[in-house]
Amino acid sequence: MLADPHAVQISVDGSCFPNEKRRSGYAGIVVYPDDPTEIEVAFQGFRESTINRMELAACIAAMDWVKQEGIGRRYSRVQIFSDSQYVVDRQFSAPYWQKAKWRNRAGRPVENW
């Protein structure tokens, strides 16, 4: 995907170290269209997890951050970039999750982003 110069761009990544007791984590960096300075927006580590879980958690954390910061009040577009084929392939599954009434960790229905 090409970067939209008018969108808030968030790059996310997850990691897992299988040789180190599966220590894991994720991070996200945001760049605003009117300011080239990179800002760390999401970072969390875990004692044990999987790479796919961390890649998805990074995207979820980025979307939560967008919502919490009210980015939609200031900008009309947000792009999330991931190097994970797992994440990229599953982005089209969200409408099916919503239709099946899947719930997030807090027990709330999966929302439209």
N, C-alpha and C. Protein backbone atom coordinates (compact mmCIF):
# COMPACT_ATOMS: atom_id res chain seq x y z
N MET A 1 0.84 -1.17 0.00
CA MET A 1 0.00 0.00 0.00
C MET A 1 0.89 1.23 0.00
N LEU A 2 0.51 2.19 -0.80
CA LEU A 2 1.24 3.45 -0.84
C LEU A 2 0.78 4.35 0.30
N ALA A 3 1.70 5.12 0.83
CA ALA A 3 1.37 6.04 1.91
C ALA A 3 0.57 7.22 1.37
N ASP A 4 -0.50 7.55 2.05
CA ASP A 4 -1.34 8.70 1.73
C ASP A 4 -0.73 9.91 2.44
N PRO A 5 -0.22 10.90 1.71
CA PRO A 5 0.43 12.04 2.36
C PRO A 5 -0.51 12.90 3.20
N HIS A 6 -1.83 12.68 3.07
CA HIS A 6 -2.81 13.46 3.84
C HIS A 6 -3.37 12.69 5.03
N ALA A 7 -2.88 11.47 5.24
CA ALA A 7 -3.39 10.62 6.32
C ALA A 7 -2.41 10.58 7.49
N VAL A 8 -2.95 10.37 8.68
CA VAL A 8 -2.12 10.04 9.83
C VAL A 8 -1.61 8.62 9.56
N GLN A 9 -0.31 8.42 9.60
CA GLN A 9 0.29 7.12 9.28
C GLN A 9 0.84 6.49 10.54
N ILE A 10 0.39 5.27 10.81
CA ILE A 10 0.84 4.54 11.99
C ILE A 10 1.50 3.25 11.53
N SER A 11 2.76 3.08 11.86
CA SER A 11 3.48 1.84 11.56
C SER A 11 3.54 1.02 12.83
N VAL A 12 3.13 -0.25 12.73
CA VAL A 12 3.10 -1.13 13.91
C VAL A 12 3.93 -2.38 13.64
N ASP A 13 4.38 -3.00 14.72
CA ASP A 13 5.12 -4.25 14.59
C ASP A 13 5.01 -5.03 15.89
N GLY A 14 4.94 -6.33 15.76
CA GLY A 14 4.93 -7.23 16.91
C GLY A 14 6.17 -8.10 16.86
N SER A 15 6.56 -8.64 18.02
CA SER A 15 7.73 -9.51 18.05
C SER A 15 7.53 -10.60 19.10
N CYS A 16 8.24 -11.69 18.88
CA CYS A 16 8.21 -12.81 19.81
C CYS A 16 9.56 -13.51 19.71
N PHE A 17 10.14 -13.82 20.85
CA PHE A 17 11.45 -14.48 20.88
C PHE A 17 11.27 -15.91 21.37
N PRO A 18 11.07 -16.88 20.44
CA PRO A 18 10.81 -18.26 20.85
C PRO A 18 11.97 -18.89 21.62
N ASN A 19 13.18 -18.43 21.39
CA ASN A 19 14.34 -18.99 22.09
C ASN A 19 14.55 -18.35 23.46
N GLU A 20 13.74 -17.38 23.80
CA GLU A 20 13.84 -16.69 25.09
C GLU A 20 12.51 -16.77 25.83
N LYS A 21 11.99 -17.98 25.96
CA LYS A 21 10.74 -18.23 26.68
C LYS A 21 9.56 -17.45 26.11
N ARG A 22 9.61 -17.19 24.80
CA ARG A 22 8.52 -16.54 24.06
C ARG A 22 8.22 -15.13 24.57
N ARG A 23 9.24 -14.44 25.08
CA ARG A 23 9.04 -13.04 25.45
C ARG A 23 8.56 -12.30 24.22
N SER A 24 7.58 -11.41 24.41
CA SER A 24 6.91 -10.79 23.27
C SER A 24 6.59 -9.34 23.54
N GLY A 25 6.22 -8.65 22.49
CA GLY A 25 5.80 -7.27 22.65
C GLY A 25 5.39 -6.67 21.32
N TYR A 26 4.96 -5.42 21.37
CA TYR A 26 4.60 -4.70 20.15
C TYR A 26 4.88 -3.22 20.34
N ALA A 27 4.92 -2.51 19.22
CA ALA A 27 5.15 -1.07 19.25
C ALA A 27 4.47 -0.43 18.05
N GLY A 28 4.22 0.85 18.16
CA GLY A 28 3.65 1.62 17.06
C GLY A 28 4.22 3.02 17.03
N ILE A 29 4.40 3.53 15.84
CA ILE A 29 4.94 4.87 15.63
C ILE A 29 3.97 5.63 14.72
N VAL A 30 3.66 6.86 15.08
CA VAL A 30 2.74 7.68 14.28
C VAL A 30 3.50 8.85 13.65
N VAL A 31 3.08 9.19 12.43
CA VAL A 31 3.56 10.39 11.76
C VAL A 31 2.31 11.14 11.27
N TYR A 32 2.20 12.39 11.69
CA TYR A 32 1.08 13.23 11.26
C TYR A 32 1.38 13.82 9.88
N PRO A 33 0.36 14.07 9.06
CA PRO A 33 0.62 14.60 7.72
C PRO A 33 1.23 16.00 7.72
N ASP A 34 1.01 16.75 8.78
CA ASP A 34 1.54 18.11 8.83
C ASP A 34 2.77 18.24 9.73
N ASP A 35 3.34 17.11 10.17
CA ASP A 35 4.53 17.13 11.03
C ASP A 35 5.30 15.82 10.84
N PRO A 36 6.50 15.88 10.26
CA PRO A 36 7.26 14.66 9.96
C PRO A 36 7.89 13.99 11.19
N THR A 37 7.72 14.56 12.38
CA THR A 37 8.31 13.98 13.58
C THR A 37 7.59 12.69 13.95
N GLU A 38 8.36 11.61 14.17
CA GLU A 38 7.77 10.34 14.57
C GLU A 38 7.51 10.35 16.07
N ILE A 39 6.35 9.80 16.47
CA ILE A 39 5.97 9.75 17.87
C ILE A 39 5.59 8.32 18.22
N GLU A 40 6.17 7.81 19.29
CA GLU A 40 5.79 6.46 19.75
C GLU A 40 4.42 6.54 20.40
N VAL A 41 3.49 5.69 19.94
CA VAL A 41 2.12 5.77 20.45
C VAL A 41 1.68 4.52 21.20
N ALA A 42 2.31 3.42 20.94
CA ALA A 42 1.90 2.18 21.60
C ALA A 42 3.13 1.31 21.82
N PHE A 43 3.27 0.82 23.03
CA PHE A 43 4.36 -0.10 23.32
C PHE A 43 3.98 -0.92 24.53
N GLN A 44 4.10 -2.23 24.41
CA GLN A 44 3.81 -3.09 25.55
C GLN A 44 4.58 -4.39 25.38
N GLY A 45 5.03 -4.94 26.49
CA GLY A 45 5.73 -6.21 26.49
C GLY A 45 4.97 -7.26 27.27
N PHE A 46 5.23 -8.51 26.96
CA PHE A 46 4.57 -9.63 27.62
C PHE A 46 5.59 -10.71 27.92
N ARG A 47 5.35 -11.46 28.97
CA ARG A 47 6.24 -12.56 29.33
C ARG A 47 6.20 -13.68 28.31
N GLU A 48 5.01 -13.96 27.78
CA GLU A 48 4.86 -15.07 26.85
C GLU A 48 3.69 -14.82 25.92
N SER A 49 3.91 -15.03 24.62
CA SER A 49 2.84 -14.88 23.64
C SER A 49 3.29 -15.51 22.32
N THR A 50 2.61 -15.14 21.24
CA THR A 50 2.97 -15.61 19.90
C THR A 50 3.18 -14.41 19.00
N ILE A 51 3.86 -14.61 17.89
CA ILE A 51 4.11 -13.51 16.97
C ILE A 51 2.80 -12.99 16.37
N ASN A 52 1.91 -13.89 15.98
CA ASN A 52 0.65 -13.43 15.37
C ASN A 52 -0.19 -12.63 16.36
N ARG A 53 -0.22 -13.07 17.59
CA ARG A 53 -0.97 -12.33 18.62
C ARG A 53 -0.38 -10.93 18.80
N MET A 54 0.93 -10.82 18.79
CA MET A 54 1.57 -9.51 18.98
C MET A 54 1.35 -8.61 17.77
N GLU A 55 1.38 -9.18 16.56
CA GLU A 55 1.12 -8.37 15.37
C GLU A 55 -0.30 -7.81 15.41
N LEU A 56 -1.27 -8.65 15.77
CA LEU A 56 -2.66 -8.18 15.89
C LEU A 56 -2.82 -7.18 17.04
N ALA A 57 -2.17 -7.45 18.16
CA ALA A 57 -2.26 -6.56 19.32
C ALA A 57 -1.72 -5.18 18.98
N ALA A 58 -0.69 -5.11 18.15
CA ALA A 58 -0.13 -3.82 17.74
C ALA A 58 -1.17 -3.02 16.96
N CYS A 59 -1.87 -3.67 16.05
CA CYS A 59 -2.92 -2.99 15.28
C CYS A 59 -4.07 -2.54 16.17
N ILE A 60 -4.48 -3.41 17.07
CA ILE A 60 -5.57 -3.06 17.98
C ILE A 60 -5.18 -1.88 18.86
N ALA A 61 -3.95 -1.89 19.37
CA ALA A 61 -3.47 -0.77 20.20
C ALA A 61 -3.45 0.52 19.39
N ALA A 62 -3.06 0.45 18.13
CA ALA A 62 -3.06 1.64 17.27
C ALA A 62 -4.47 2.17 17.08
N MET A 63 -5.43 1.28 16.83
CA MET A 63 -6.81 1.71 16.65
C MET A 63 -7.39 2.28 17.94
N ASP A 64 -7.05 1.67 19.07
CA ASP A 64 -7.49 2.21 20.36
C ASP A 64 -6.92 3.61 20.57
N TRP A 65 -5.66 3.80 20.23
CA TRP A 65 -5.01 5.09 20.38
C TRP A 65 -5.71 6.14 19.51
N VAL A 66 -6.03 5.78 18.27
CA VAL A 66 -6.73 6.70 17.36
C VAL A 66 -8.05 7.15 17.99
N LYS A 67 -8.76 6.21 18.55
CA LYS A 67 -10.05 6.52 19.18
C LYS A 67 -9.87 7.38 20.43
N GLN A 68 -8.94 7.01 21.30
CA GLN A 68 -8.71 7.74 22.55
C GLN A 68 -8.24 9.17 22.30
N GLU A 69 -7.42 9.35 21.29
CA GLU A 69 -6.87 10.68 20.99
C GLU A 69 -7.82 11.54 20.18
N GLY A 70 -8.93 10.98 19.73
CA GLY A 70 -9.88 11.76 18.93
C GLY A 70 -9.30 12.20 17.60
N ILE A 71 -8.49 11.34 17.02
CA ILE A 71 -7.83 11.68 15.75
C ILE A 71 -8.86 12.03 14.67
N GLY A 72 -10.02 11.37 14.70
CA GLY A 72 -11.06 11.63 13.71
C GLY A 72 -11.61 13.04 13.74
N ARG A 73 -11.44 13.75 14.84
CA ARG A 73 -11.90 15.15 14.93
C ARG A 73 -10.95 16.08 14.18
N ARG A 74 -9.68 15.68 14.05
CA ARG A 74 -8.69 16.54 13.41
C ARG A 74 -8.29 16.09 12.02
N TYR A 75 -8.37 14.78 11.77
CA TYR A 75 -7.93 14.23 10.49
C TYR A 75 -9.00 13.30 9.93
N SER A 76 -9.12 13.27 8.62
CA SER A 76 -10.17 12.44 8.01
C SER A 76 -9.69 11.04 7.65
N ARG A 77 -8.36 10.81 7.66
CA ARG A 77 -7.86 9.50 7.26
C ARG A 77 -6.73 9.04 8.17
N VAL A 78 -6.71 7.73 8.40
CA VAL A 78 -5.63 7.09 9.16
C VAL A 78 -5.22 5.85 8.37
N GLN A 79 -3.92 5.65 8.23
CA GLN A 79 -3.40 4.43 7.62
C GLN A 79 -2.56 3.70 8.64
N ILE A 80 -2.78 2.39 8.74
CA ILE A 80 -1.96 1.56 9.61
C ILE A 80 -1.14 0.64 8.72
N PHE A 81 0.17 0.65 8.93
CA PHE A 81 1.09 -0.17 8.15
C PHE A 81 1.62 -1.30 9.03
N SER A 82 1.62 -2.51 8.47
CA SER A 82 2.13 -3.68 9.18
C SER A 82 2.95 -4.51 8.20
N ASP A 83 4.01 -5.12 8.69
CA ASP A 83 4.81 -6.02 7.84
C ASP A 83 4.33 -7.46 7.97
N SER A 84 3.23 -7.68 8.68
CA SER A 84 2.72 -9.01 8.95
C SER A 84 1.72 -9.45 7.88
N GLN A 85 2.05 -10.49 7.15
CA GLN A 85 1.11 -11.04 6.16
C GLN A 85 -0.15 -11.55 6.85
N TYR A 86 0.01 -12.08 8.05
CA TYR A 86 -1.12 -12.56 8.85
C TYR A 86 -2.13 -11.44 9.07
N VAL A 87 -1.67 -10.27 9.46
CA VAL A 87 -2.54 -9.12 9.71
C VAL A 87 -3.15 -8.62 8.40
N VAL A 88 -2.33 -8.46 7.39
CA VAL A 88 -2.80 -7.93 6.12
C VAL A 88 -3.89 -8.82 5.53
N ASP A 89 -3.69 -10.13 5.58
CA ASP A 89 -4.68 -11.06 5.02
C ASP A 89 -5.99 -11.05 5.80
N ARG A 90 -5.95 -10.75 7.09
CA ARG A 90 -7.14 -10.83 7.92
C ARG A 90 -7.91 -9.52 8.05
N GLN A 91 -7.41 -8.46 7.46
CA GLN A 91 -8.12 -7.19 7.55
C GLN A 91 -9.50 -7.26 6.90
N PHE A 92 -9.67 -8.16 5.98
CA PHE A 92 -10.96 -8.27 5.30
C PHE A 92 -11.94 -9.16 6.06
N SER A 93 -11.52 -9.75 7.18
CA SER A 93 -12.38 -10.61 7.98
C SER A 93 -13.27 -9.84 8.95
N ALA A 94 -12.96 -8.60 9.25
CA ALA A 94 -13.69 -7.83 10.26
C ALA A 94 -15.19 -7.79 10.03
N PRO A 95 -15.68 -7.58 8.80
CA PRO A 95 -17.14 -7.56 8.63
C PRO A 95 -17.79 -8.89 9.03
N TYR A 96 -17.09 -10.00 8.83
CA TYR A 96 -17.64 -11.30 9.21
C TYR A 96 -17.64 -11.45 10.73
N TRP A 97 -16.62 -10.91 11.40
CA TRP A 97 -16.58 -10.94 12.86
C TRP A 97 -17.76 -10.16 13.42
N GLN A 98 -18.02 -9.00 12.84
CA GLN A 98 -19.12 -8.16 13.31
C GLN A 98 -20.46 -8.87 13.09
N LYS A 99 -20.63 -9.47 11.92
CA LYS A 99 -21.87 -10.17 11.61
C LYS A 99 -22.11 -11.34 12.56
N ALA A 100 -21.02 -12.01 12.97
CA ALA A 100 -21.12 -13.15 13.88
C ALA A 100 -21.21 -12.70 15.34
N LYS A 101 -21.21 -11.36 15.54
CA LYS A 101 -21.31 -10.78 16.89
C LYS A 101 -20.16 -11.20 17.80
N TRP A 102 -18.94 -11.25 17.23
CA TRP A 102 -17.77 -11.54 18.05
C TRP A 102 -17.58 -10.42 19.05
N ARG A 103 -16.93 -10.73 20.15
CA ARG A 103 -16.73 -9.75 21.21
C ARG A 103 -15.24 -9.57 21.47
N ASN A 104 -14.89 -8.36 21.91
CA ASN A 104 -13.49 -8.10 22.25
C ASN A 104 -13.19 -8.57 23.67
N ARG A 105 -11.98 -8.31 24.15
CA ARG A 105 -11.57 -8.77 25.48
C ARG A 105 -12.44 -8.22 26.59
N ALA A 106 -13.02 -7.04 26.39
CA ALA A 106 -13.86 -6.43 27.42
C ALA A 106 -15.31 -6.92 27.33
N GLY A 107 -15.58 -7.84 26.39
CA GLY A 107 -16.92 -8.37 26.25
C GLY A 107 -17.85 -7.52 25.41
N ARG A 108 -17.29 -6.47 24.79
CA ARG A 108 -18.10 -5.60 23.93
C ARG A 108 -18.03 -6.11 22.49
N PRO A 109 -19.08 -5.87 21.70
CA PRO A 109 -19.05 -6.29 20.28
C PRO A 109 -17.91 -5.62 19.53
N VAL A 110 -17.37 -6.32 18.54
CA VAL A 110 -16.35 -5.74 17.66
C VAL A 110 -17.00 -4.58 16.94
N GLU A 111 -16.33 -3.41 16.95
CA GLU A 111 -16.92 -2.20 16.39
C GLU A 111 -16.38 -1.92 15.00
N ASN A 112 -17.07 -1.04 14.29
CA ASN A 112 -16.56 -0.54 13.03
C ASN A 112 -15.44 0.44 13.33
N TRP A 113 -14.36 0.34 12.61
CA TRP A 113 -13.27 1.30 12.76
C TRP A 113 -13.28 2.19 11.56
